[in-house]
Amino acid sequence: MTTAFVLSGGGSLGAVQAGMLAAIEEQGLRPDLLIGTSAGALNAAYLGAHGYSAESIADLAELWRGLRRQDVFPLDPLRSMLAFVGKRASLCSMRPLRRLVETHLPIDDLRDAQLPLHIIATDALSGEEVALSSGDAATAVLASAAIPAVFRPVDHEGRLLIDGGVSNNTAVGQAVALGADRVVVVPAGFACDLSEPPSTPLDAAAHAITLLLEQRLVIEVAHFADEVEIIVAPPLCPLSVNAVDFGHAGELIDRAHANTHAWLEAGNDRLPHQARFLALHHHGHHHGTGQAGLSGRPDMVGRPAKTEE
């Protein structure tokens, strides 16, 4: 059986995936190939380049724990003002993110990875999904993470590319096309428990794209459920960390590890209809309870869903 791990995007919430992967690895479930989008591309590339092991996952977690927003989304008031009046093509410079990726990615070409590695980006002109399996590894990761308006499109071998989440956040279809019989989806999730809307353009853009990506994930998992075995690691809920807030990485990693471990121990990975664990929802702040609203799912943090009889 060929197992593909598919890692979705989510900005700073990509830290969640380090905790999830640690719990999944403890169960002995390992990938034959890795597919990553946006923040998930950074994680997939790191593990593909360093080799997939408990040690490399722990190292990835430590990397996330040390990140700060300026390492990824450097805010410059002058640049933001120039971008607003059309004098700059993006809110943020990609130089710090490029430096980060190049420092921690010990391969030049995607084909040099120890596991087959595929990075998902989007053609900035046509909107077409682009699966990158060869070529400059750092540039591929940067292209996949180039959130529109936040970063400029990235030139990869003569093609302008932007965030892969615009066209296909989880790329379950790519995994199926690559011959996977089993697909393990490792989502970053979204901030389902914010007390108020994001207050800055960067925060709002990042939050909006995570909501879009979660919707696409639900649809794609449901679409391919009858074609291959799909396992979806449960997103954290409730979650009140915005996708550009890097100050809670340690907490997110620890919660995700505990939550995913409990979920797997309960056998929830063997339940049908895995897409149900991803439903978009809200929490009832106006009631002061913090519980999921009528359209929501129950809190699954540290409390796995009941096993169906």
C-alpha atoms as a PDB file:
ATOM      1  CA  MET A   1       0.000   0.000   0.000  1.00  0.00           C
ATOM      2  CA  THR A   2       1.304   3.439  -0.950  1.00  0.00           C
ATOM      3  CA  THR A   3       0.684   6.079   1.708  1.00  0.00           C
ATOM      4  CA  ALA A   4       0.768   9.792   0.942  1.00  0.00           C
ATOM      5  CA  PHE A   5       0.900  12.416   3.662  1.00  0.00           C
ATOM      6  CA  VAL A   6      -0.806  15.613   2.510  1.00  0.00           C
ATOM      7  CA  LEU A   7      -0.046  18.754   4.525  1.00  0.00           C
ATOM      8  CA  SER A   8      -2.319  21.764   4.108  1.00  0.00           C
ATOM      9  CA  GLY A   9      -1.647  25.475   4.576  1.00  0.00           C
ATOM     10  CA  GLY A  10      -2.403  27.797   7.457  1.00  0.00           C
ATOM     11  CA  GLY A  11       0.353  30.301   8.174  1.00  0.00           C
ATOM     12  CA  SER A  12       1.548  30.136  11.777  1.00  0.00           C
ATOM     13  CA  LEU A  13      -0.939  27.316  12.390  1.00  0.00           C
ATOM     14  CA  GLY A  14       1.483  25.114  10.478  1.00  0.00           C
ATOM     15  CA  ALA A  15       3.005  24.493  13.934  1.00  0.00           C
ATOM     16  CA  VAL A  16      -0.005  22.277  14.644  1.00  0.00           C
ATOM     17  CA  GLN A  17       1.240  19.804  12.054  1.00  0.00           C
ATOM     18  CA  ALA A  18       4.452  19.122  13.981  1.00  0.00           C
ATOM     19  CA  GLY A  19       2.399  17.920  16.944  1.00  0.00           C
ATOM     20  CA  MET A  20       0.050  15.892  14.763  1.00  0.00           C
ATOM     21  CA  LEU A  21       2.893  14.212  12.902  1.00  0.00           C
ATOM     22  CA  ALA A  22       4.650  13.264  16.136  1.00  0.00           C
ATOM     23  CA  ALA A  23       1.512  11.465  17.331  1.00  0.00           C
ATOM     24  CA  ILE A  24       0.983   9.795  13.948  1.00  0.00           C
ATOM     25  CA  GLU A  25       4.601   8.604  13.830  1.00  0.00           C
ATOM     26  CA  GLU A  26       4.236   7.087  17.304  1.00  0.00           C
ATOM     27  CA  GLN A  27       1.491   4.890  15.875  1.00  0.00           C
ATOM     28  CA  GLY A  28       3.908   3.565  13.252  1.00  0.00           C
ATOM     29  CA  LEU A  29       2.167   5.245  10.326  1.00  0.00           C
ATOM     30  CA  ARG A  30       4.753   6.588   7.873  1.00  0.00           C
ATOM     31  CA  PRO A  31       4.567   8.190   4.409  1.00  0.00           C
ATOM     32  CA  ASP A  32       5.862   6.884   1.106  1.00  0.00           C
ATOM     33  CA  LEU A  33       5.509  10.368  -0.370  1.00  0.00           C
ATOM     34  CA  LEU A  34       4.900  13.888   0.907  1.00  0.00           C
ATOM     35  CA  ILE A  35       2.702  16.582  -0.610  1.00  0.00           C
ATOM     36  CA  GLY A  36       2.648  20.071   0.881  1.00  0.00           C
ATOM     37  CA  THR A  37       0.924  23.366   0.302  1.00  0.00           C
ATOM     38  CA  SER A  38       1.860  26.785   1.742  1.00  0.00           C
ATOM     39  CA  ALA A  39       2.914  26.288   5.390  1.00  0.00           C
ATOM     40  CA  GLY A  40       2.441  22.581   4.773  1.00  0.00           C
ATOM     41  CA  ALA A  41       4.974  22.851   1.952  1.00  0.00           C
ATOM     42  CA  LEU A  42       7.567  24.138   4.401  1.00  0.00           C
ATOM     43  CA  ASN A  43       6.883  21.206   6.741  1.00  0.00           C
ATOM     44  CA  ALA A  44       6.805  18.616   3.958  1.00  0.00           C
ATOM     45  CA  ALA A  45      10.023  19.944   2.428  1.00  0.00           C
ATOM     46  CA  TYR A  46      11.798  19.937   5.788  1.00  0.00           C
ATOM     47  CA  LEU A  47      10.849  16.321   6.499  1.00  0.00           C
ATOM     48  CA  GLY A  48      11.473  15.192   2.944  1.00  0.00           C
ATOM     49  CA  ALA A  49      14.920  16.779   2.932  1.00  0.00           C
ATOM     50  CA  HIS A  50      16.020  15.677   6.409  1.00  0.00           C
ATOM     51  CA  GLY A  51      14.425  12.236   6.275  1.00  0.00           C
ATOM     52  CA  TYR A  52      11.142  11.292   7.932  1.00  0.00           C
ATOM     53  CA  SER A  53      11.741  10.181  11.525  1.00  0.00           C
ATOM     54  CA  ALA A  54      10.752  10.961  15.096  1.00  0.00           C
ATOM     55  CA  GLU A  55      13.963  12.969  15.392  1.00  0.00           C
ATOM     56  CA  SER A  56      13.315  15.130  12.325  1.00  0.00           C
ATOM     57  CA  ILE A  57       9.728  15.777  13.453  1.00  0.00           C
ATOM     58  CA  ALA A  58      11.038  16.876  16.861  1.00  0.00           C
ATOM     59  CA  ASP A  59      13.563  19.157  15.150  1.00  0.00           C
ATOM     60  CA  LEU A  60      10.762  20.633  13.034  1.00  0.00           C
ATOM     61  CA  ALA A  61       8.759  21.304  16.198  1.00  0.00           C
ATOM     62  CA  GLU A  62      11.714  23.141  17.707  1.00  0.00           C
ATOM     63  CA  LEU A  63      12.011  25.238  14.574  1.00  0.00           C
ATOM     64  CA  TRP A  64       8.373  26.289  14.896  1.00  0.00           C
ATOM     65  CA  ARG A  65       8.803  27.070  18.597  1.00  0.00           C
ATOM     66  CA  GLY A  66      11.546  29.546  17.749  1.00  0.00           C
ATOM     67  CA  LEU A  67       9.764  31.391  14.943  1.00  0.00           C
ATOM     68  CA  ARG A  68       8.457  34.936  15.294  1.00  0.00           C
ATOM     69  CA  ARG A  69       6.196  36.880  12.969  1.00  0.00           C
ATOM     70  CA  GLN A  70       9.047  39.010  11.643  1.00  0.00           C
ATOM     71  CA  ASP A  71      10.747  35.803  10.462  1.00  0.00           C
ATOM     72  CA  VAL A  72       7.875  35.190   8.054  1.00  0.00           C
ATOM     73  CA  PHE A  73       5.652  38.277   7.793  1.00  0.00           C
ATOM     74  CA  PRO A  74       7.931  41.312   8.325  1.00  0.00           C
ATOM     75  CA  LEU A  75       5.826  44.403   8.802  1.00  0.00           C
ATOM     76  CA  ASP A  76       7.190  47.709   7.518  1.00  0.00           C
ATOM     77  CA  PRO A  77       4.774  50.674   7.884  1.00  0.00           C
ATOM     78  CA  LEU A  78       6.336  52.494   4.938  1.00  0.00           C
ATOM     79  CA  ARG A  79       6.113  49.456   2.682  1.00  0.00           C
ATOM     80  CA  SER A  80       2.501  48.883   3.754  1.00  0.00           C
ATOM     81  CA  MET A  81       1.616  52.482   2.895  1.00  0.00           C
ATOM     82  CA  LEU A  82       3.351  52.221  -0.499  1.00  0.00           C
ATOM     83  CA  ALA A  83       1.534  48.949  -1.186  1.00  0.00           C
ATOM     84  CA  PHE A  84      -1.772  50.618  -0.354  1.00  0.00           C
ATOM     85  CA  VAL A  85      -1.184  53.328  -2.981  1.00  0.00           C
ATOM     86  CA  GLY A  86       0.105  50.848  -5.572  1.00  0.00           C
ATOM     87  CA  LYS A  87       3.830  51.620  -5.247  1.00  0.00           C
ATOM     88  CA  ARG A  88       4.661  48.136  -3.947  1.00  0.00           C
ATOM     89  CA  ALA A  89       3.327  44.816  -5.181  1.00  0.00           C
ATOM     90  CA  SER A  90       2.966  43.278  -1.718  1.00  0.00           C
ATOM     91  CA  LEU A  91       2.573  44.100   1.954  1.00  0.00           C
ATOM     92  CA  CYS A  92       5.623  42.091   3.028  1.00  0.00           C
ATOM     93  CA  SER A  93       9.094  41.389   1.740  1.00  0.00           C
ATOM     94  CA  MET A  94       9.843  37.704   1.178  1.00  0.00           C
ATOM     95  CA  ARG A  95      13.535  38.069   2.046  1.00  0.00           C
ATOM     96  CA  PRO A  96      13.232  36.890   5.681  1.00  0.00           C
ATOM     97  CA  LEU A  97      11.148  33.858   4.652  1.00  0.00           C
ATOM     98  CA  ARG A  98      13.633  32.983   1.891  1.00  0.00           C
ATOM     99  CA  ARG A  99      16.476  33.215   4.388  1.00  0.00           C
ATOM    100  CA  LEU A 100      14.565  30.945   6.770  1.00  0.00           C
ATOM    101  CA  VAL A 101      13.815  28.336   4.103  1.00  0.00           C
ATOM    102  CA  GLU A 102      17.311  28.306   2.641  1.00  0.00           C
ATOM    103  CA  THR A 103      18.857  27.984   6.108  1.00  0.00           C
ATOM    104  CA  HIS A 104      16.821  24.910   7.039  1.00  0.00           C
ATOM    105  CA  LEU A 105      16.469  23.149   3.692  1.00  0.00           C
ATOM    106  CA  PRO A 106      19.637  21.119   2.953  1.00  0.00           C
ATOM    107  CA  ILE A 107      18.726  20.219  -0.630  1.00  0.00           C
ATOM    108  CA  ASP A 108      18.962  22.222  -3.830  1.00  0.00           C
ATOM    109  CA  ASP A 109      16.496  20.299  -5.990  1.00  0.00           C
ATOM    110  CA  LEU A 110      13.188  18.722  -4.960  1.00  0.00           C
ATOM    111  CA  ARG A 111      14.413  15.467  -6.519  1.00  0.00           C
ATOM    112  CA  ASP A 112      17.186  15.326  -3.908  1.00  0.00           C
ATOM    113  CA  ALA A 113      14.713  14.732  -1.074  1.00  0.00           C
ATOM    114  CA  GLN A 114      14.948  11.450   0.827  1.00  0.00           C
ATOM    115  CA  LEU A 115      11.226  10.867   0.201  1.00  0.00           C
ATOM    116  CA  PRO A 116       9.341  11.737  -2.997  1.00  0.00           C
ATOM    117  CA  LEU A 117       8.338  15.352  -2.436  1.00  0.00           C
ATOM    118  CA  HIS A 118       5.675  17.351  -4.253  1.00  0.00           C
ATOM    119  CA  ILE A 119       4.933  21.037  -3.628  1.00  0.00           C
ATOM    120  CA  ILE A 120       1.631  22.593  -4.683  1.00  0.00           C
ATOM    121  CA  ALA A 121       1.490  26.145  -6.054  1.00  0.00           C
ATOM    122  CA  THR A 122      -0.852  28.157  -8.274  1.00  0.00           C
ATOM    123  CA  ASP A 123      -0.138  29.810 -11.622  1.00  0.00           C
ATOM    124  CA  ALA A 124      -0.644  33.526 -10.912  1.00  0.00           C
ATOM    125  CA  LEU A 125      -2.012  34.208 -14.409  1.00  0.00           C
ATOM    126  CA  SER A 126      -4.226  31.217 -15.180  1.00  0.00           C
ATOM    127  CA  GLY A 127      -5.146  30.082 -11.667  1.00  0.00           C
ATOM    128  CA  GLU A 128      -4.065  26.581 -12.635  1.00  0.00           C
ATOM    129  CA  GLU A 129      -2.824  24.228  -9.949  1.00  0.00           C
ATOM    130  CA  VAL A 130       0.878  23.450 -10.357  1.00  0.00           C
ATOM    131  CA  ALA A 131       2.524  20.406  -8.768  1.00  0.00           C
ATOM    132  CA  LEU A 132       6.276  20.931  -8.417  1.00  0.00           C
ATOM    133  CA  SER A 133       8.309  17.733  -8.147  1.00  0.00           C
ATOM    134  CA  SER A 134      11.654  18.993  -9.441  1.00  0.00           C
ATOM    135  CA  GLY A 135      13.601  22.220  -9.638  1.00  0.00           C
ATOM    136  CA  ASP A 136      14.920  24.593  -6.993  1.00  0.00           C
ATOM    137  CA  ALA A 137      13.522  23.405  -3.672  1.00  0.00           C
ATOM    138  CA  ALA A 138      13.597  26.704  -1.782  1.00  0.00           C
ATOM    139  CA  THR A 139      11.927  28.587  -4.612  1.00  0.00           C
ATOM    140  CA  ALA A 140       9.200  25.944  -4.846  1.00  0.00           C
ATOM    141  CA  VAL A 141       8.412  26.274  -1.134  1.00  0.00           C
ATOM    142  CA  LEU A 142       8.379  30.071  -1.352  1.00  0.00           C
ATOM    143  CA  ALA A 143       6.050  29.964  -4.356  1.00  0.00           C
ATOM    144  CA  SER A 144       3.638  27.675  -2.524  1.00  0.00           C
ATOM    145  CA  ALA A 145       3.603  30.079   0.447  1.00  0.00           C
ATOM    146  CA  ALA A 146       3.232  33.323  -1.545  1.00  0.00           C
ATOM    147  CA  ILE A 147      -0.118  34.541  -0.197  1.00  0.00           C
ATOM    148  CA  PRO A 148      -1.598  36.996  -2.733  1.00  0.00           C
ATOM    149  CA  ALA A 149      -1.099  40.662  -1.784  1.00  0.00           C
ATOM    150  CA  VAL A 150       0.981  39.644   1.238  1.00  0.00           C
ATOM    151  CA  PHE A 151       3.884  38.422  -0.938  1.00  0.00           C
ATOM    152  CA  ARG A 152       4.820  38.972  -4.560  1.00  0.00           C
ATOM    153  CA  PRO A 153       4.405  36.068  -7.017  1.00  0.00           C
ATOM    154  CA  VAL A 154       7.523  33.897  -7.224  1.00  0.00           C
ATOM    155  CA  ASP A 155       9.269  33.133 -10.495  1.00  0.00           C
ATOM    156  CA  HIS A 156       9.894  29.383 -10.698  1.00  0.00           C
ATOM    157  CA  GLU A 157      11.542  28.371 -13.968  1.00  0.00           C
ATOM    158  CA  GLY A 158       9.883  31.202 -15.883  1.00  0.00           C
ATOM    159  CA  ARG A 159       6.421  30.760 -14.400  1.00  0.00           C
ATOM    160  CA  LEU A 160       4.915  33.196 -11.884  1.00  0.00           C
ATOM    161  CA  LEU A 161       3.445  31.253  -8.986  1.00  0.00           C
ATOM    162  CA  ILE A 162       1.456  32.085  -5.854  1.00  0.00           C
ATOM    163  CA  ASP A 163       0.117  30.268  -2.797  1.00  0.00           C
ATOM    164  CA  GLY A 164      -0.988  26.732  -3.640  1.00  0.00           C
ATOM    165  CA  GLY A 165      -3.993  27.125  -1.380  1.00  0.00           C
ATOM    166  CA  VAL A 166      -5.622  29.387  -3.975  1.00  0.00           C
ATOM    167  CA  SER A 167      -6.056  26.426  -6.308  1.00  0.00           C
ATOM    168  CA  ASN A 168      -5.822  23.336  -4.126  1.00  0.00           C
ATOM    169  CA  ASN A 169      -5.048  23.469  -0.436  1.00  0.00           C
ATOM    170  CA  THR A 170      -4.709  19.795   0.421  1.00  0.00           C
ATOM    171  CA  ALA A 171      -4.005  18.203  -2.982  1.00  0.00           C
ATOM    172  CA  VAL A 172      -5.710  14.922  -2.112  1.00  0.00           C
ATOM    173  CA  GLY A 173      -6.360  14.596  -5.835  1.00  0.00           C
ATOM    174  CA  GLN A 174      -2.630  14.894  -6.509  1.00  0.00           C
ATOM    175  CA  ALA A 175      -1.958  12.084  -4.055  1.00  0.00           C
ATOM    176  CA  VAL A 176      -4.489   9.882  -5.820  1.00  0.00           C
ATOM    177  CA  ALA A 177      -2.979  10.724  -9.219  1.00  0.00           C
ATOM    178  CA  LEU A 178       0.458   9.788  -7.878  1.00  0.00           C
ATOM    179  CA  GLY A 179      -0.792   6.313  -7.006  1.00  0.00           C
ATOM    180  CA  ALA A 180      -1.564   6.607  -3.305  1.00  0.00           C
ATOM    181  CA  ASP A 181      -3.897   3.962  -1.875  1.00  0.00           C
ATOM    182  CA  ARG A 182      -4.051   5.694   1.483  1.00  0.00           C
ATOM    183  CA  VAL A 183      -3.997   9.452   2.087  1.00  0.00           C
ATOM    184  CA  VAL A 184      -3.276  10.921   5.504  1.00  0.00           C
ATOM    185  CA  VAL A 185      -4.432  14.546   5.574  1.00  0.00           C
ATOM    186  CA  VAL A 186      -2.627  16.696   8.138  1.00  0.00           C
ATOM    187  CA  PRO A 187      -4.565  19.996   8.352  1.00  0.00           C
ATOM    188  CA  ALA A 188      -3.360  23.176  10.003  1.00  0.00           C
ATOM    189  CA  GLY A 189      -6.952  24.136  10.842  1.00  0.00           C
ATOM    190  CA  PHE A 190      -8.361  27.622  11.332  1.00  0.00           C
ATOM    191  CA  ALA A 191      -9.130  30.031  14.161  1.00  0.00           C
ATOM    192  CA  CYS A 192     -12.687  28.962  14.970  1.00  0.00           C
ATOM    193  CA  ASP A 193     -12.857  30.755  18.327  1.00  0.00           C
ATOM    194  CA  LEU A 194     -11.784  34.356  17.724  1.00  0.00           C
ATOM    195  CA  SER A 195     -13.510  36.820  20.042  1.00  0.00           C
ATOM    196  CA  GLU A 196     -13.498  39.565  17.383  1.00  0.00           C
ATOM    197  CA  PRO A 197     -12.649  39.900  13.682  1.00  0.00           C
ATOM    198  CA  PRO A 198      -8.978  40.393  12.727  1.00  0.00           C
ATOM    199  CA  SER A 199      -8.092  44.071  12.963  1.00  0.00           C
ATOM    200  CA  THR A 200      -5.255  44.498  10.440  1.00  0.00           C
ATOM    201  CA  PRO A 201      -5.136  43.805   6.692  1.00  0.00           C
ATOM    202  CA  LEU A 202      -2.480  41.114   7.176  1.00  0.00           C
ATOM    203  CA  ASP A 203      -4.427  39.370   9.936  1.00  0.00           C
ATOM    204  CA  ALA A 204      -7.646  39.584   7.939  1.00  0.00           C
ATOM    205  CA  ALA A 205      -6.053  38.216   4.765  1.00  0.00           C
ATOM    206  CA  ALA A 206      -4.479  35.294   6.579  1.00  0.00           C
ATOM    207  CA  HIS A 207      -7.687  34.445   8.454  1.00  0.00           C
ATOM    208  CA  ALA A 208      -9.802  34.669   5.313  1.00  0.00           C
ATOM    209  CA  ILE A 209      -7.561  32.305   3.375  1.00  0.00           C
ATOM    210  CA  THR A 210      -7.569  29.734   6.192  1.00  0.00           C
ATOM    211  CA  LEU A 211     -11.381  29.748   6.119  1.00  0.00           C
ATOM    212  CA  LEU A 212     -11.313  29.242   2.349  1.00  0.00           C
ATOM    213  CA  LEU A 213      -8.801  26.432   2.664  1.00  0.00           C
ATOM    214  CA  GLU A 214     -10.845  24.605   5.285  1.00  0.00           C
ATOM    215  CA  GLN A 215     -13.903  24.692   3.024  1.00  0.00           C
ATOM    216  CA  ARG A 216     -11.888  23.256   0.145  1.00  0.00           C
ATOM    217  CA  LEU A 217     -10.488  20.567   2.412  1.00  0.00           C
ATOM    218  CA  VAL A 218     -13.943  19.375   3.484  1.00  0.00           C
ATOM    219  CA  ILE A 219     -15.084  19.150  -0.140  1.00  0.00           C
ATOM    220  CA  GLU A 220     -11.975  17.385  -1.381  1.00  0.00           C
ATOM    221  CA  VAL A 221     -11.881  14.760   1.373  1.00  0.00           C
ATOM    222  CA  ALA A 222     -15.542  13.950   0.787  1.00  0.00           C
ATOM    223  CA  HIS A 223     -15.002  13.767  -2.986  1.00  0.00           C
ATOM    224  CA  PHE A 224     -12.209  11.182  -2.822  1.00  0.00           C
ATOM    225  CA  ALA A 225     -13.524   9.165   0.127  1.00  0.00           C
ATOM    226  CA  ASP A 226     -14.798   6.356  -2.107  1.00  0.00           C
ATOM    227  CA  GLU A 227     -11.602   6.113  -4.163  1.00  0.00           C
ATOM    228  CA  VAL A 228      -8.911   5.717  -1.522  1.00  0.00           C
ATOM    229  CA  GLU A 229      -8.583   5.242   2.201  1.00  0.00           C
ATOM    230  CA  ILE A 230      -8.471   8.702   3.792  1.00  0.00           C
ATOM    231  CA  ILE A 231      -7.426   9.534   7.327  1.00  0.00           C
ATOM    232  CA  VAL A 232      -7.863  13.122   8.524  1.00  0.00           C
ATOM    233  CA  ALA A 233      -6.002  14.174  11.660  1.00  0.00           C
ATOM    234  CA  PRO A 234      -8.444  16.262  13.755  1.00  0.00           C
ATOM    235  CA  PRO A 235      -7.896  20.047  13.722  1.00  0.00           C
ATOM    236  CA  LEU A 236      -7.616  21.763  17.079  1.00  0.00           C
ATOM    237  CA  CYS A 237     -10.887  23.080  18.454  1.00  0.00           C
ATOM    238  CA  PRO A 238     -11.494  25.546  20.005  1.00  0.00           C
ATOM    239  CA  LEU A 239      -8.696  27.577  18.450  1.00  0.00           C
ATOM    240  CA  SER A 240      -8.297  31.328  18.951  1.00  0.00           C
ATOM    241  CA  VAL A 241      -4.830  31.820  17.416  1.00  0.00           C
ATOM    242  CA  ASN A 242      -4.715  33.851  14.205  1.00  0.00           C
ATOM    243  CA  ALA A 243      -2.690  32.521  11.289  1.00  0.00           C
ATOM    244  CA  VAL A 244      -0.056  35.268  11.622  1.00  0.00           C
ATOM    245  CA  ASP A 245       0.414  34.881  15.387  1.00  0.00           C
ATOM    246  CA  PHE A 246       3.615  32.932  16.044  1.00  0.00           C
ATOM    247  CA  GLY A 247       3.603  33.417  19.807  1.00  0.00           C
ATOM    248  CA  HIS A 248       1.725  30.217  20.624  1.00  0.00           C
ATOM    249  CA  ALA A 249       3.645  27.578  18.650  1.00  0.00           C
ATOM    250  CA  GLY A 250       4.647  25.546  21.693  1.00  0.00           C
ATOM    251  CA  GLU A 251       1.089  25.419  22.987  1.00  0.00           C
ATOM    252  CA  LEU A 252      -0.271  24.461  19.561  1.00  0.00           C
ATOM    253  CA  ILE A 253       2.272  21.674  19.107  1.00  0.00           C
ATOM    254  CA  ASP A 254       1.607  20.180  22.534  1.00  0.00           C
ATOM    255  CA  ARG A 255      -2.175  20.381  22.143  1.00  0.00           C
ATOM    256  CA  ALA A 256      -2.055  18.869  18.669  1.00  0.00           C
ATOM    257  CA  HIS A 257       0.139  16.003  19.846  1.00  0.00           C
ATOM    258  CA  ALA A 258      -2.142  15.161  22.780  1.00  0.00           C
ATOM    259  CA  ASN A 259      -5.309  15.554  20.731  1.00  0.00           C
ATOM    260  CA  THR A 260      -4.122  13.444  17.797  1.00  0.00           C
ATOM    261  CA  HIS A 261      -2.695  10.757  20.095  1.00  0.00           C
ATOM    262  CA  ALA A 262      -6.014  10.405  21.943  1.00  0.00           C
ATOM    263  CA  TRP A 263      -7.941  10.444  18.670  1.00  0.00           C
ATOM    264  CA  LEU A 264      -5.836   7.662  17.176  1.00  0.00           C
ATOM    265  CA  GLU A 265      -5.886   5.578  20.362  1.00  0.00           C
ATOM    266  CA  ALA A 266      -9.683   5.672  20.240  1.00  0.00           C
ATOM    267  CA  GLY A 267      -9.623   4.265  16.700  1.00  0.00           C
ATOM    268  CA  ASN A 268     -11.196   7.307  15.099  1.00  0.00           C
ATOM    269  CA  ASP A 269      -8.904   6.980  12.067  1.00  0.00           C
ATOM    270  CA  ARG A 270     -10.879   3.870  11.142  1.00  0.00           C
ATOM    271  CA  LEU A 271     -14.259   5.597  11.151  1.00  0.00           C
ATOM    272  CA  PRO A 272     -16.010   6.428   7.863  1.00  0.00           C
ATOM    273  CA  HIS A 273     -16.823   9.949   6.672  1.00  0.00           C
ATOM    274  CA  GLN A 274     -13.581  11.538   7.826  1.00  0.00           C
ATOM    275  CA  ALA A 275     -14.659  14.898   6.372  1.00  0.00           C
ATOM    276  CA  ARG A 276     -17.049  15.368   9.284  1.00  0.00           C
ATOM    277  CA  PHE A 277     -14.122  16.114  11.595  1.00  0.00           C
ATOM    278  CA  LEU A 278     -13.427  19.270   9.549  1.00  0.00           C
ATOM    279  CA  ALA A 279     -16.773  21.046   9.538  1.00  0.00           C
ATOM    280  CA  LEU A 280     -16.641  24.844   9.591  1.00  0.00           C
ATOM    281  CA  HIS A 281     -18.349  26.235  12.654  1.00  0.00           C
ATOM    282  CA  HIS A 282     -18.387  29.036  15.194  1.00  0.00           C
ATOM    283  CA  HIS A 283     -18.392  29.321  18.972  1.00  0.00           C
ATOM    284  CA  GLY A 284     -21.078  31.049  21.024  1.00  0.00           C
ATOM    285  CA  HIS A 285     -19.191  33.981  22.516  1.00  0.00           C
ATOM    286  CA  HIS A 286     -22.400  35.939  22.865  1.00  0.00           C
ATOM    287  CA  HIS A 287     -23.608  33.293  25.319  1.00  0.00           C
ATOM    288  CA  GLY A 288     -20.341  33.361  27.212  1.00  0.00           C
ATOM    289  CA  THR A 289     -19.994  29.572  27.025  1.00  0.00           C
ATOM    290  CA  GLY A 290     -17.157  29.132  24.534  1.00  0.00           C
ATOM    291  CA  GLN A 291     -18.990  26.093  23.153  1.00  0.00           C
ATOM    292  CA  ALA A 292     -19.568  25.434  19.503  1.00  0.00           C
ATOM    293  CA  GLY A 293     -22.557  27.156  17.966  1.00  0.00           C
ATOM    294  CA  LEU A 294     -25.495  25.295  16.430  1.00  0.00           C
ATOM    295  CA  SER A 295     -23.617  24.917  13.167  1.00  0.00           C
ATOM    296  CA  GLY A 296     -20.459  23.676  14.880  1.00  0.00           C
ATOM    297  CA  ARG A 297     -18.677  20.505  15.832  1.00  0.00           C
ATOM    298  CA  PRO A 298     -17.971  19.475  19.418  1.00  0.00           C
ATOM    299  CA  ASP A 299     -14.682  20.340  21.034  1.00  0.00           C
ATOM    300  CA  MET A 300     -12.291  17.531  20.146  1.00  0.00           C
ATOM    301  CA  VAL A 301      -9.183  18.800  21.937  1.00  0.00           C
ATOM    302  CA  GLY A 302      -7.998  15.975  24.164  1.00  0.00           C
ATOM    303  CA  ARG A 303     -11.428  14.358  23.856  1.00  0.00           C
ATOM    304  CA  PRO A 304     -11.739  12.037  20.835  1.00  0.00           C
ATOM    305  CA  ALA A 305     -15.013  11.596  19.059  1.00  0.00           C
ATOM    306  CA  LYS A 306     -17.097   8.633  20.197  1.00  0.00           C
ATOM    307  CA  THR A 307     -16.509   5.423  18.315  1.00  0.00           C
ATOM    308  CA  GLU A 308     -19.447   4.352  16.219  1.00  0.00           C
ATOM    309  CA  GLU A 309     -20.950   0.962  17.065  1.00  0.00           C
END
